[in-house]
Full PDB file with SEQRES, HELIX, SHEET, SSBOND, CRYST1, ORIGX, SCALE, CONECT and MASTER records, all heavy atoms in Angstrom:
SEQRES   1 A   41  VAL ALA LYS ASN LEU PHE LEU TRP PRO GLY ARG SER ILE          
SEQRES   2 A   41  ALA ARG LYS GLY LEU GLU LEU PRO LEU ALA LEU TRP ILE          
SEQRES   3 A   41  ASP TRP VAL LEU PRO LYS ARG ARG ILE ILE GLU ILE TYR          
SEQRES   4 A   41  LEU ASN                                                      
HELIX    1 AA1 ALA A    2  PHE A    6  1                                   5    
HELIX    2 AA2 ILE A   13  VAL A   29  1                                  17    
HELIX    3 AA3 LYS A   32  LEU A   40  1                                   9    
CRYST1    1.000    1.000    1.000  90.00  90.00  90.00 P 1           1          
ORIGX1      1.000000  0.000000  0.000000        0.00000                         
ORIGX2      0.000000  1.000000  0.000000        0.00000                         
ORIGX3      0.000000  0.000000  1.000000        0.00000                         
SCALE1      1.000000  0.000000  0.000000        0.00000                         
SCALE2      0.000000  1.000000  0.000000        0.00000                         
SCALE3      0.000000  0.000000  1.000000        0.00000                         
ATOM      1  N   VAL A   1     100.009  82.507 120.819  1.00  0.00           N  
ATOM      2  CA  VAL A   1      99.034  81.859 119.967  1.00  0.00           C  
ATOM      3  C   VAL A   1      97.650  82.394 120.259  1.00  0.00           C  
ATOM      4  O   VAL A   1      96.886  82.727 119.328  1.00  0.00           O  
ATOM      5  CB  VAL A   1      99.090  80.321 120.175  1.00  0.00           C  
ATOM      6  CG1 VAL A   1      97.865  79.640 119.566  1.00  0.00           C  
ATOM      7  CG2 VAL A   1     100.358  79.747 119.613  1.00  0.00           C  
ATOM      8  N   ALA A   2      97.320  82.562 121.535  1.00  0.00           N  
ATOM      9  CA  ALA A   2      95.979  83.142 121.875  1.00  0.00           C  
ATOM     10  C   ALA A   2      95.810  84.509 121.272  1.00  0.00           C  
ATOM     11  O   ALA A   2      94.792  84.843 120.682  1.00  0.00           O  
ATOM     12  CB  ALA A   2      95.851  83.187 123.410  1.00  0.00           C  
ATOM     13  N   LYS A   3      96.837  85.353 121.394  1.00  0.00           N  
ATOM     14  CA  LYS A   3      96.775  86.715 120.870  1.00  0.00           C  
ATOM     15  C   LYS A   3      96.635  86.657 119.341  1.00  0.00           C  
ATOM     16  O   LYS A   3      95.760  87.330 118.768  1.00  0.00           O  
ATOM     17  CB  LYS A   3      98.038  87.509 121.234  1.00  0.00           C  
ATOM     18  CG  LYS A   3      98.040  88.907 120.647  1.00  0.00           C  
ATOM     19  CD  LYS A   3      99.396  89.575 120.782  1.00  0.00           C  
ATOM     20  CE  LYS A   3     100.308  88.973 119.771  1.00  0.00           C  
ATOM     21  NZ  LYS A   3     101.519  89.633 119.523  1.00  0.00           N  
ATOM     22  N   ASN A   4      97.478  85.879 118.674  1.00  0.00           N  
ATOM     23  CA  ASN A   4      97.455  85.864 117.208  1.00  0.00           C  
ATOM     24  C   ASN A   4      96.211  85.248 116.607  1.00  0.00           C  
ATOM     25  O   ASN A   4      95.756  85.663 115.574  1.00  0.00           O  
ATOM     26  CB  ASN A   4      98.669  85.096 116.706  1.00  0.00           C  
ATOM     27  CG  ASN A   4      99.981  85.883 116.920  1.00  0.00           C  
ATOM     28  OD1 ASN A   4      99.989  87.074 117.108  1.00  0.00           O  
ATOM     29  ND2 ASN A   4     101.081  85.139 116.929  1.00  0.00           N  
ATOM     30  N   LEU A   5      95.586  84.297 117.334  1.00  0.00           N  
ATOM     31  CA  LEU A   5      94.384  83.671 116.814  1.00  0.00           C  
ATOM     32  C   LEU A   5      93.094  84.430 117.169  1.00  0.00           C  
ATOM     33  O   LEU A   5      92.187  84.501 116.361  1.00  0.00           O  
ATOM     34  CB  LEU A   5      94.257  82.242 117.349  1.00  0.00           C  
ATOM     35  CG  LEU A   5      95.201  81.180 116.769  1.00  0.00           C  
ATOM     36  CD1 LEU A   5      94.967  79.831 117.436  1.00  0.00           C  
ATOM     37  CD2 LEU A   5      94.996  81.064 115.255  1.00  0.00           C  
ATOM     38  N   PHE A   6      93.033  84.972 118.356  1.00  0.00           N  
ATOM     39  CA  PHE A   6      91.722  85.480 118.864  1.00  0.00           C  
ATOM     40  C   PHE A   6      91.691  86.974 119.183  1.00  0.00           C  
ATOM     41  O   PHE A   6      90.594  87.533 119.341  1.00  0.00           O  
ATOM     42  CB  PHE A   6      91.312  84.713 120.121  1.00  0.00           C  
ATOM     43  CG  PHE A   6      91.231  83.231 119.904  1.00  0.00           C  
ATOM     44  CD1 PHE A   6      92.078  82.362 120.576  1.00  0.00           C  
ATOM     45  CD2 PHE A   6      90.255  82.723 119.053  1.00  0.00           C  
ATOM     46  CE1 PHE A   6      91.953  81.009 120.384  1.00  0.00           C  
ATOM     47  CE2 PHE A   6      90.178  81.354 118.849  1.00  0.00           C  
ATOM     48  CZ  PHE A   6      91.025  80.478 119.525  1.00  0.00           C  
ATOM     49  N   LEU A   7      92.854  87.623 119.319  1.00  0.00           N  
ATOM     50  CA  LEU A   7      92.863  89.004 119.839  1.00  0.00           C  
ATOM     51  C   LEU A   7      93.500  89.933 118.842  1.00  0.00           C  
ATOM     52  O   LEU A   7      93.856  89.555 117.723  1.00  0.00           O  
ATOM     53  CB  LEU A   7      93.545  89.046 121.200  1.00  0.00           C  
ATOM     54  CG  LEU A   7      92.926  88.147 122.283  1.00  0.00           C  
ATOM     55  CD1 LEU A   7      93.809  88.084 123.505  1.00  0.00           C  
ATOM     56  CD2 LEU A   7      91.517  88.585 122.607  1.00  0.00           C  
ATOM     57  N   TRP A   8      93.672  91.152 119.230  1.00  0.00           N  
ATOM     58  CA  TRP A   8      94.191  92.219 118.346  1.00  0.00           C  
ATOM     59  C   TRP A   8      95.650  92.477 118.713  1.00  0.00           C  
ATOM     60  O   TRP A   8      96.129  92.185 119.820  1.00  0.00           O  
ATOM     61  CB  TRP A   8      93.371  93.476 118.546  1.00  0.00           C  
ATOM     62  CG  TRP A   8      93.386  94.017 119.923  1.00  0.00           C  
ATOM     63  CD1 TRP A   8      94.243  94.969 120.428  1.00  0.00           C  
ATOM     64  CD2 TRP A   8      92.545  93.645 121.002  1.00  0.00           C  
ATOM     65  NE1 TRP A   8      93.979  95.183 121.781  1.00  0.00           N  
ATOM     66  CE2 TRP A   8      92.911  94.410 122.165  1.00  0.00           C  
ATOM     67  CE3 TRP A   8      91.474  92.785 121.127  1.00  0.00           C  
ATOM     68  CZ2 TRP A   8      92.275  94.314 123.382  1.00  0.00           C  
ATOM     69  CZ3 TRP A   8      90.861  92.650 122.369  1.00  0.00           C  
ATOM     70  CH2 TRP A   8      91.258  93.430 123.469  1.00  0.00           C  
ATOM     71  N   PRO A   9      96.435  93.009 117.770  1.00  0.00           N  
ATOM     72  CA  PRO A   9      97.828  93.382 118.065  1.00  0.00           C  
ATOM     73  C   PRO A   9      97.877  94.619 118.984  1.00  0.00           C  
ATOM     74  O   PRO A   9      96.867  95.279 119.187  1.00  0.00           O  
ATOM     75  CB  PRO A   9      98.432  93.666 116.711  1.00  0.00           C  
ATOM     76  CG  PRO A   9      97.281  94.026 115.840  1.00  0.00           C  
ATOM     77  CD  PRO A   9      96.100  93.289 116.388  1.00  0.00           C  
ATOM     78  N   GLY A  10      99.024  94.879 119.469  1.00  0.00           N  
ATOM     79  CA  GLY A  10      99.178  96.035 120.381  1.00  0.00           C  
ATOM     80  C   GLY A  10      99.204  95.589 121.805  1.00  0.00           C  
ATOM     81  O   GLY A  10      98.923  94.436 122.128  1.00  0.00           O  
ATOM     82  N   ARG A  11      99.536  96.568 122.669  1.00  0.00           N  
ATOM     83  CA  ARG A  11      99.667  96.220 124.085  1.00  0.00           C  
ATOM     84  C   ARG A  11      98.642  96.977 124.877  1.00  0.00           C  
ATOM     85  O   ARG A  11      98.529  98.200 124.737  1.00  0.00           O  
ATOM     86  CB  ARG A  11     101.079  96.561 124.571  1.00  0.00           C  
ATOM     87  CG  ARG A  11     102.146  95.779 123.821  1.00  0.00           C  
ATOM     88  CD  ARG A  11     103.519  95.900 124.337  1.00  0.00           C  
ATOM     89  NE  ARG A  11     103.902  97.226 124.756  1.00  0.00           N  
ATOM     90  CZ  ARG A  11     105.156  97.668 124.798  1.00  0.00           C  
ATOM     91  NH1 ARG A  11     106.092  96.883 124.370  1.00  0.00           N  
ATOM     92  NH2 ARG A  11     105.434  98.884 125.192  1.00  0.00           N  
ATOM     93  N   SER A  12      97.934  96.244 125.664  1.00  0.00           N  
ATOM     94  CA  SER A  12      96.962  96.860 126.577  1.00  0.00           C  
ATOM     95  C   SER A  12      96.651  95.906 127.719  1.00  0.00           C  
ATOM     96  O   SER A  12      96.802  94.717 127.566  1.00  0.00           O  
ATOM     97  CB  SER A  12      95.660  97.255 125.857  1.00  0.00           C  
ATOM     98  OG  SER A  12      94.931  96.099 125.551  1.00  0.00           O  
ATOM     99  N   ILE A  13      96.216  96.454 128.810  1.00  0.00           N  
ATOM    100  CA  ILE A  13      95.842  95.602 129.954  1.00  0.00           C  
ATOM    101  C   ILE A  13      94.613  94.763 129.574  1.00  0.00           C  
ATOM    102  O   ILE A  13      94.526  93.601 129.918  1.00  0.00           O  
ATOM    103  CB  ILE A  13      95.557  96.480 131.193  1.00  0.00           C  
ATOM    104  CG1 ILE A  13      96.878  97.076 131.665  1.00  0.00           C  
ATOM    105  CG2 ILE A  13      94.927  95.655 132.311  1.00  0.00           C  
ATOM    106  CD1 ILE A  13      96.747  98.074 132.797  1.00  0.00           C  
ATOM    107  N   ALA A  14      93.695  95.331 128.805  1.00  0.00           N  
ATOM    108  CA  ALA A  14      92.499  94.594 128.419  1.00  0.00           C  
ATOM    109  C   ALA A  14      92.856  93.376 127.575  1.00  0.00           C  
ATOM    110  O   ALA A  14      92.340  92.261 127.820  1.00  0.00           O  
ATOM    111  CB  ALA A  14      91.568  95.513 127.633  1.00  0.00           C  
ATOM    112  N   ARG A  15      93.762  93.528 126.603  1.00  0.00           N  
ATOM    113  CA  ARG A  15      94.172  92.434 125.805  1.00  0.00           C  
ATOM    114  C   ARG A  15      94.858  91.340 126.619  1.00  0.00           C  
ATOM    115  O   ARG A  15      94.589  90.162 126.510  1.00  0.00           O  
ATOM    116  CB  ARG A  15      95.074  92.819 124.621  1.00  0.00           C  
ATOM    117  CG  ARG A  15      95.102  91.750 123.544  1.00  0.00           C  
ATOM    118  CD  ARG A  15      96.353  91.683 122.734  1.00  0.00           C  
ATOM    119  NE  ARG A  15      97.445  91.172 123.549  1.00  0.00           N  
ATOM    120  CZ  ARG A  15      98.684  91.621 123.480  1.00  0.00           C  
ATOM    121  NH1 ARG A  15      98.999  92.584 122.645  1.00  0.00           N  
ATOM    122  NH2 ARG A  15      99.641  91.119 124.230  1.00  0.00           N  
ATOM    123  N   LYS A  16      95.746  91.792 127.536  1.00  0.00           N  
ATOM    124  CA  LYS A  16      96.475  90.824 128.389  1.00  0.00           C  
ATOM    125  C   LYS A  16      95.481  90.085 129.300  1.00  0.00           C  
ATOM    126  O   LYS A  16      95.614  88.898 129.498  1.00  0.00           O  
ATOM    127  CB  LYS A  16      97.472  91.564 129.294  1.00  0.00           C  
ATOM    128  CG  LYS A  16      98.919  91.509 129.025  1.00  0.00           C  
ATOM    129  CD  LYS A  16      99.425  90.205 128.510  1.00  0.00           C  
ATOM    130  CE  LYS A  16     100.895  90.396 128.114  1.00  0.00           C  
ATOM    131  NZ  LYS A  16     101.416  89.306 127.405  1.00  0.00           N  
ATOM    132  N   GLY A  17      94.452  90.820 129.775  1.00  0.00           N  
ATOM    133  CA  GLY A  17      93.433  90.165 130.593  1.00  0.00           C  
ATOM    134  C   GLY A  17      92.654  89.111 129.892  1.00  0.00           C  
ATOM    135  O   GLY A  17      92.256  88.122 130.473  1.00  0.00           O  
ATOM    136  N   LEU A  18      92.438  89.286 128.595  1.00  0.00           N  
ATOM    137  CA  LEU A  18      91.729  88.287 127.791  1.00  0.00           C  
ATOM    138  C   LEU A  18      92.681  87.135 127.335  1.00  0.00           C  
ATOM    139  O   LEU A  18      92.272  86.037 127.219  1.00  0.00           O  
ATOM    140  CB  LEU A  18      91.100  88.934 126.560  1.00  0.00           C  
ATOM    141  CG  LEU A  18      89.949  89.906 126.849  1.00  0.00           C  
ATOM    142  CD1 LEU A  18      89.610  90.682 125.578  1.00  0.00           C  
ATOM    143  CD2 LEU A  18      88.750  89.177 127.391  1.00  0.00           C  
ATOM    144  N   GLU A  19      93.914  87.516 127.150  1.00  0.00           N  
ATOM    145  CA  GLU A  19      94.902  86.563 126.651  1.00  0.00           C  
ATOM    146  C   GLU A  19      95.173  85.440 127.640  1.00  0.00           C  
ATOM    147  O   GLU A  19      95.285  84.290 127.236  1.00  0.00           O  
ATOM    148  CB  GLU A  19      96.213  87.373 126.383  1.00  0.00           C  
ATOM    149  CG  GLU A  19      97.305  86.601 125.756  1.00  0.00           C  
ATOM    150  CD  GLU A  19      98.497  87.508 125.550  1.00  0.00           C  
ATOM    151  OE1 GLU A  19      98.428  88.477 124.759  1.00  0.00           O  
ATOM    152  OE2 GLU A  19      99.523  87.300 126.245  1.00  0.00           O  
ATOM    153  N   LEU A  20      95.238  85.749 128.909  1.00  0.00           N  
ATOM    154  CA  LEU A  20      95.616  84.731 129.904  1.00  0.00           C  
ATOM    155  C   LEU A  20      94.603  83.593 129.971  1.00  0.00           C  
ATOM    156  O   LEU A  20      95.019  82.420 129.884  1.00  0.00           O  
ATOM    157  CB  LEU A  20      95.821  85.420 131.290  1.00  0.00           C  
ATOM    158  CG  LEU A  20      96.246  84.468 132.380  1.00  0.00           C  
ATOM    159  CD1 LEU A  20      97.576  83.778 132.038  1.00  0.00           C  
ATOM    160  CD2 LEU A  20      96.343  85.231 133.693  1.00  0.00           C  
ATOM    161  N   PRO A  21      93.274  83.840 130.136  1.00  0.00           N  
ATOM    162  CA  PRO A  21      92.380  82.681 130.174  1.00  0.00           C  
ATOM    163  C   PRO A  21      92.324  81.925 128.856  1.00  0.00           C  
ATOM    164  O   PRO A  21      92.168  80.734 128.861  1.00  0.00           O  
ATOM    165  CB  PRO A  21      91.032  83.313 130.526  1.00  0.00           C  
ATOM    166  CG  PRO A  21      91.137  84.771 130.333  1.00  0.00           C  
ATOM    167  CD  PRO A  21      92.610  85.098 130.375  1.00  0.00           C  
ATOM    168  N   LEU A  22      92.460  82.635 127.729  1.00  0.00           N  
ATOM    169  CA  LEU A  22      92.510  81.915 126.434  1.00  0.00           C  
ATOM    170  C   LEU A  22      93.733  81.031 126.394  1.00  0.00           C  
ATOM    171  O   LEU A  22      93.651  79.894 125.901  1.00  0.00           O  
ATOM    172  CB  LEU A  22      92.552  82.941 125.282  1.00  0.00           C  
ATOM    173  CG  LEU A  22      91.246  83.637 124.955  1.00  0.00           C  
ATOM    174  CD1 LEU A  22      91.482  84.771 123.981  1.00  0.00           C  
ATOM    175  CD2 LEU A  22      90.230  82.632 124.396  1.00  0.00           C  
ATOM    176  N   ALA A  23      94.869  81.499 126.846  1.00  0.00           N  
ATOM    177  CA  ALA A  23      96.105  80.708 126.836  1.00  0.00           C  
ATOM    178  C   ALA A  23      95.966  79.488 127.733  1.00  0.00           C  
ATOM    179  O   ALA A  23      96.394  78.389 127.368  1.00  0.00           O  
ATOM    180  CB  ALA A  23      97.291  81.553 127.260  1.00  0.00           C  
ATOM    181  N   LEU A  24      95.349  79.676 128.891  1.00  0.00           N  
ATOM    182  CA  LEU A  24      95.130  78.531 129.813  1.00  0.00           C  
ATOM    183  C   LEU A  24      94.214  77.489 129.147  1.00  0.00           C  
ATOM    184  O   LEU A  24      94.468  76.290 129.219  1.00  0.00           O  
ATOM    185  CB  LEU A  24      94.529  79.005 131.109  1.00  0.00           C  
ATOM    186  CG  LEU A  24      95.456  79.822 131.993  1.00  0.00           C  
ATOM    187  CD1 LEU A  24      94.699  80.422 133.182  1.00  0.00           C  
ATOM    188  CD2 LEU A  24      96.648  79.007 132.458  1.00  0.00           C  
ATOM    189  N   TRP A  25      93.171  77.934 128.457  1.00  0.00           N  
ATOM    190  CA  TRP A  25      92.257  77.022 127.750  1.00  0.00           C  
ATOM    191  C   TRP A  25      92.995  76.284 126.617  1.00  0.00           C  
ATOM    192  O   TRP A  25      92.875  75.091 126.501  1.00  0.00           O  
ATOM    193  CB  TRP A  25      91.082  77.834 127.203  1.00  0.00           C  
ATOM    194  CG  TRP A  25      90.170  76.991 126.361  1.00  0.00           C  
ATOM    195  CD1 TRP A  25      89.223  76.095 126.800  1.00  0.00           C  
ATOM    196  CD2 TRP A  25      90.111  76.947 124.927  1.00  0.00           C  
ATOM    197  NE1 TRP A  25      88.607  75.494 125.763  1.00  0.00           N  
ATOM    198  CE2 TRP A  25      89.109  76.003 124.571  1.00  0.00           C  
ATOM    199  CE3 TRP A  25      90.804  77.604 123.907  1.00  0.00           C  
ATOM    200  CZ2 TRP A  25      88.811  75.721 123.270  1.00  0.00           C  
ATOM    201  CZ3 TRP A  25      90.481  77.317 122.591  1.00  0.00           C  
ATOM    202  CH2 TRP A  25      89.477  76.390 122.284  1.00  0.00           C  
ATOM    203  N   ILE A  26      93.777  77.029 125.854  1.00  0.00           N  
ATOM    204  CA  ILE A  26      94.585  76.412 124.759  1.00  0.00           C  
ATOM    205  C   ILE A  26      95.503  75.333 125.336  1.00  0.00           C  
ATOM    206  O   ILE A  26      95.633  74.241 124.831  1.00  0.00           O  
ATOM    207  CB  ILE A  26      95.354  77.474 123.934  1.00  0.00           C  
ATOM    208  CG1 ILE A  26      94.389  78.309 123.125  1.00  0.00           C  
ATOM    209  CG2 ILE A  26      96.422  76.815 123.047  1.00  0.00           C  
ATOM    210  CD1 ILE A  26      95.042  79.553 122.531  1.00  0.00           C  
ATOM    211  N   ASP A  27      96.187  75.682 126.415  1.00  0.00           N  
ATOM    212  CA  ASP A  27      97.122  74.761 127.027  1.00  0.00           C  
ATOM    213  C   ASP A  27      96.396  73.510 127.574  1.00  0.00           C  
ATOM    214  O   ASP A  27      96.971  72.421 127.568  1.00  0.00           O  
ATOM    215  CB  ASP A  27      97.864  75.453 128.163  1.00  0.00           C  
ATOM    216  CG  ASP A  27      99.301  75.021 128.305  1.00  0.00           C  
ATOM    217  OD1 ASP A  27      99.852  74.413 127.381  1.00  0.00           O  
ATOM    218  OD2 ASP A  27      99.876  75.326 129.361  1.00  0.00           O  
ATOM    219  N   TRP A  28      95.176  73.682 127.949  1.00  0.00           N  
ATOM    220  CA  TRP A  28      94.385  72.581 128.498  1.00  0.00           C  
ATOM    221  C   TRP A  28      93.889  71.650 127.397  1.00  0.00           C  
ATOM    222  O   TRP A  28      93.870  70.421 127.590  1.00  0.00           O  
ATOM    223  CB  TRP A  28      93.221  73.118 129.330  1.00  0.00           C  
ATOM    224  CG  TRP A  28      92.445  72.078 130.053  1.00  0.00           C  
ATOM    225  CD1 TRP A  28      92.880  71.264 131.094  1.00  0.00           C  
ATOM    226  CD2 TRP A  28      91.103  71.734 129.823  1.00  0.00           C  
ATOM    227  NE1 TRP A  28      91.902  70.456 131.485  1.00  0.00           N  
ATOM    228  CE2 TRP A  28      90.769  70.694 130.729  1.00  0.00           C  
ATOM    229  CE3 TRP A  28      90.122  72.161 128.940  1.00  0.00           C  
ATOM    230  CZ2 TRP A  28      89.563  70.133 130.757  1.00  0.00           C  
ATOM    231  CZ3 TRP A  28      88.883  71.595 129.009  1.00  0.00           C  
ATOM    232  CH2 TRP A  28      88.573  70.567 129.916  1.00  0.00           C  
ATOM    233  N   VAL A  29      93.496  72.193 126.253  1.00  0.00           N  
ATOM    234  CA  VAL A  29      92.857  71.361 125.232  1.00  0.00           C  
ATOM    235  C   VAL A  29      93.802  70.895 124.124  1.00  0.00           C  
ATOM    236  O   VAL A  29      93.434  69.964 123.382  1.00  0.00           O  
ATOM    237  CB  VAL A  29      91.630  72.077 124.577  1.00  0.00           C  
ATOM    238  CG1 VAL A  29      90.579  72.403 125.627  1.00  0.00           C  
ATOM    239  CG2 VAL A  29      92.048  73.325 123.838  1.00  0.00           C  
ATOM    240  N   LEU A  30      94.938  71.477 124.001  1.00  0.00           N  
ATOM    241  CA  LEU A  30      95.893  71.082 122.936  1.00  0.00           C  
ATOM    242  C   LEU A  30      97.217  70.558 123.466  1.00  0.00           C  
ATOM    243  O   LEU A  30      97.736  71.111 124.439  1.00  0.00           O  
ATOM    244  CB  LEU A  30      96.155  72.288 122.010  1.00  0.00           C  
ATOM    245  CG  LEU A  30      94.993  72.872 121.236  1.00  0.00           C  
ATOM    246  CD1 LEU A  30      95.423  74.105 120.463  1.00  0.00           C  
ATOM    247  CD2 LEU A  30      94.406  71.844 120.289  1.00  0.00           C  
ATOM    248  N   PRO A  31      97.753  69.560 122.812  1.00  0.00           N  
ATOM    249  CA  PRO A  31      99.104  69.121 123.213  1.00  0.00           C  
ATOM    250  C   PRO A  31     100.122  70.162 122.790  1.00  0.00           C  
ATOM    251  O   PRO A  31      99.927  70.962 121.854  1.00  0.00           O  
ATOM    252  CB  PRO A  31      99.291  67.822 122.436  1.00  0.00           C  
ATOM    253  CG  PRO A  31      98.296  67.835 121.357  1.00  0.00           C  
ATOM    254  CD  PRO A  31      97.188  68.733 121.750  1.00  0.00           C  
ATOM    255  N   LYS A  32     101.261  70.171 123.428  1.00  0.00           N  
ATOM    256  CA  LYS A  32     102.332  71.146 123.143  1.00  0.00           C  
ATOM    257  C   LYS A  32     102.754  71.118 121.692  1.00  0.00           C  
ATOM    258  O   LYS A  32     102.984  72.162 121.087  1.00  0.00           O  
ATOM    259  CB  LYS A  32     103.542  70.918 124.025  1.00  0.00           C  
ATOM    260  CG  LYS A  32     103.305  71.290 125.478  1.00  0.00           C  
ATOM    261  CD  LYS A  32     103.142  72.807 125.648  1.00  0.00           C  
ATOM    262  CE  LYS A  32     102.930  73.149 127.099  1.00  0.00           C  
ATOM    263  NZ  LYS A  32     102.418  74.474 127.251  1.00  0.00           N  
ATOM    264  N   ARG A  33     102.851  69.960 121.135  1.00  0.00           N  
ATOM    265  CA  ARG A  33     103.276  69.832 119.722  1.00  0.00           C  
ATOM    266  C   ARG A  33     102.313  70.615 118.801  1.00  0.00           C  
ATOM    267  O   ARG A  33     102.745  71.299 117.853  1.00  0.00           O  
ATOM    268  CB  ARG A  33     103.363  68.365 119.335  1.00  0.00           C  
ATOM    269  CG  ARG A  33     103.906  68.140 117.942  1.00  0.00           C  
ATOM    270  CD  ARG A  33     103.968  66.662 117.594  1.00  0.00           C  
ATOM    271  NE  ARG A  33     104.526  66.493 116.295  1.00  0.00           N  
ATOM    272  CZ  ARG A  33     105.768  66.109 116.077  1.00  0.00           C  
ATOM    273  NH1 ARG A  33     106.593  65.830 117.079  1.00  0.00           N  
ATOM    274  NH2 ARG A  33     106.227  65.974 114.835  1.00  0.00           N  
ATOM    275  N   ARG A  34     101.018  70.541 119.067  1.00  0.00           N  
ATOM    276  CA  ARG A  34     100.021  71.242 118.226  1.00  0.00           C  
ATOM    277  C   ARG A  34     100.139  72.750 118.460  1.00  0.00           C  
ATOM    278  O   ARG A  34      99.988  73.543 117.523  1.00  0.00           O  
ATOM    279  CB  ARG A  34      98.598  70.734 118.546  1.00  0.00           C  
ATOM    280  CG  ARG A  34      97.544  71.403 117.754  1.00  0.00           C  
ATOM    281  CD  ARG A  34      97.622  71.036 116.271  1.00  0.00           C  
ATOM    282  NE  ARG A  34      96.510  71.614 115.552  1.00  0.00           N  
ATOM    283  CZ  ARG A  34      96.584  72.308 114.451  1.00  0.00           C  
ATOM    284  NH1 ARG A  34      97.763  72.420 113.839  1.00  0.00           N  
ATOM    285  NH2 ARG A  34      95.502  72.831 113.882  1.00  0.00           N  
ATOM    286  N   ILE A  35     100.385  73.188 119.690  1.00  0.00           N  
ATOM    287  CA  ILE A  35     100.534  74.593 120.013  1.00  0.00           C  
ATOM    288  C   ILE A  35     101.741  75.149 119.243  1.00  0.00           C  
ATOM    289  O   ILE A  35     101.644  76.234 118.620  1.00  0.00           O  
ATOM    290  CB  ILE A  35     100.645  74.812 121.530  1.00  0.00           C  
ATOM    291  CG1 ILE A  35      99.374  74.475 122.254  1.00  0.00           C  
ATOM    292  CG2 ILE A  35     101.065  76.272 121.829  1.00  0.00           C  
ATOM    293  CD1 ILE A  35      99.477  74.406 123.735  1.00  0.00           C  
ATOM    294  N   ILE A  36     102.832  74.424 119.212  1.00  0.00           N  
ATOM    295  CA  ILE A  36     104.024  74.859 118.485  1.00  0.00           C  
ATOM    296  C   ILE A  36     103.707  74.917 117.005  1.00  0.00           C  
ATOM    297  O   ILE A  36     104.095  75.869 116.317  1.00  0.00           O  
ATOM    298  CB  ILE A  36     105.235  73.922 118.739  1.00  0.00           C  
ATOM    299  CG1 ILE A  36     105.701  74.057 120.187  1.00  0.00           C  
ATOM    300  CG2 ILE A  36     106.351  74.183 117.781  1.00  0.00           C  
ATOM    301  CD1 ILE A  36     106.350  75.412 120.517  1.00  0.00           C  
ATOM    302  N   GLU A  37     102.984  73.902 116.484  1.00  0.00           N  
ATOM    303  CA  GLU A  37     102.638  73.926 115.063  1.00  0.00           C  
ATOM    304  C   GLU A  37     101.779  75.127 114.723  1.00  0.00           C  
ATOM    305  O   GLU A  37     102.051  75.805 113.694  1.00  0.00           O  
ATOM    306  CB  GLU A  37     101.866  72.651 114.769  1.00  0.00           C  
ATOM    307  CG  GLU A  37     101.439  72.532 113.308  1.00  0.00           C  
ATOM    308  CD  GLU A  37     100.634  71.277 113.023  1.00  0.00           C  
ATOM    309  OE1 GLU A  37     100.399  70.478 113.945  1.00  0.00           O  
ATOM    310  OE2 GLU A  37     100.178  71.133 111.896  1.00  0.00           O  
ATOM    311  N   ILE A  38     100.831  75.463 115.542  1.00  0.00           N  
ATOM    312  CA  ILE A  38      99.985  76.642 115.281  1.00  0.00           C  
ATOM    313  C   ILE A  38     100.823  77.911 115.323  1.00  0.00           C  
ATOM    314  O   ILE A  38     100.753  78.765 114.483  1.00  0.00           O  
ATOM    315  CB  ILE A  38      98.803  76.707 116.290  1.00  0.00           C  
ATOM    316  CG1 ILE A  38      97.841  75.544 116.026  1.00  0.00           C  
ATOM    317  CG2 ILE A  38      98.091  78.058 116.229  1.00  0.00           C  
ATOM    318  CD1 ILE A  38      96.808  75.362 117.137  1.00  0.00           C  
ATOM    319  N   TYR A  39     101.686  77.988 116.368  1.00  0.00           N  
ATOM    320  CA  TYR A  39     102.526  79.170 116.521  1.00  0.00           C  
ATOM    321  C   TYR A  39     103.362  79.390 115.271  1.00  0.00           C  
ATOM    322  O   TYR A  39     103.465  80.487 114.750  1.00  0.00           O  
ATOM    323  CB  TYR A  39     103.410  79.028 117.753  1.00  0.00           C  
ATOM    324  CG  TYR A  39     104.403  80.135 117.921  1.00  0.00           C  
ATOM    325  CD1 TYR A  39     103.981  81.390 118.339  1.00  0.00           C  
ATOM    326  CD2 TYR A  39     105.723  79.954 117.599  1.00  0.00           C  
ATOM    327  CE1 TYR A  39     104.871  82.409 118.484  1.00  0.00           C  
ATOM    328  CE2 TYR A  39     106.625  80.996 117.743  1.00  0.00           C  
ATOM    329  CZ  TYR A  39     106.199  82.236 118.184  1.00  0.00           C  
ATOM    330  OH  TYR A  39     107.107  83.247 118.294  1.00  0.00           O  
ATOM    331  N   LEU A  40     104.028  78.332 114.827  1.00  0.00           N  
ATOM    332  CA  LEU A  40     104.899  78.440 113.621  1.00  0.00           C  
ATOM    333  C   LEU A  40     104.108  78.881 112.383  1.00  0.00           C  
ATOM    334  O   LEU A  40     104.684  79.525 111.528  1.00  0.00           O  
ATOM    335  CB  LEU A  40     105.581  77.107 113.350  1.00  0.00           C  
ATOM    336  CG  LEU A  40     106.608  76.637 114.359  1.00  0.00           C  
ATOM    337  CD1 LEU A  40     107.087  75.226 114.045  1.00  0.00           C  
ATOM    338  CD2 LEU A  40     107.757  77.590 114.457  1.00  0.00           C  
ATOM    339  N   ASN A  41     102.811  78.585 112.348  1.00  0.00           N  
ATOM    340  CA  ASN A  41     102.061  78.908 111.168  1.00  0.00           C  
ATOM    341  C   ASN A  41     101.280  80.234 111.290  1.00  0.00           C  
ATOM    342  O   ASN A  41     100.709  80.652 110.297  1.00  0.00           O  
ATOM    343  CB  ASN A  41     101.130  77.743 110.844  1.00  0.00           C  
ATOM    344  CG  ASN A  41     101.895  76.628 110.219  1.00  0.00           C  
ATOM    345  OD1 ASN A  41     102.489  76.762 109.170  1.00  0.00           O  
ATOM    346  ND2 ASN A  41     101.923  75.476 110.866  1.00  0.00           N  
TER     347      ASN A  41                                                      
MASTER        0    0    0    3    0    0    0    6  346    1    0    4          
END                                                                             
């Protein structure tokens, strides 16, 4: 979800480095049900 919403496609260490804190933030502020809903969409 973090990658699809905020970052670029492709694989790189830089993207992974940005993805992790974004994912932790998303997990902290959104319930799992909303994360799944965003992912599906």
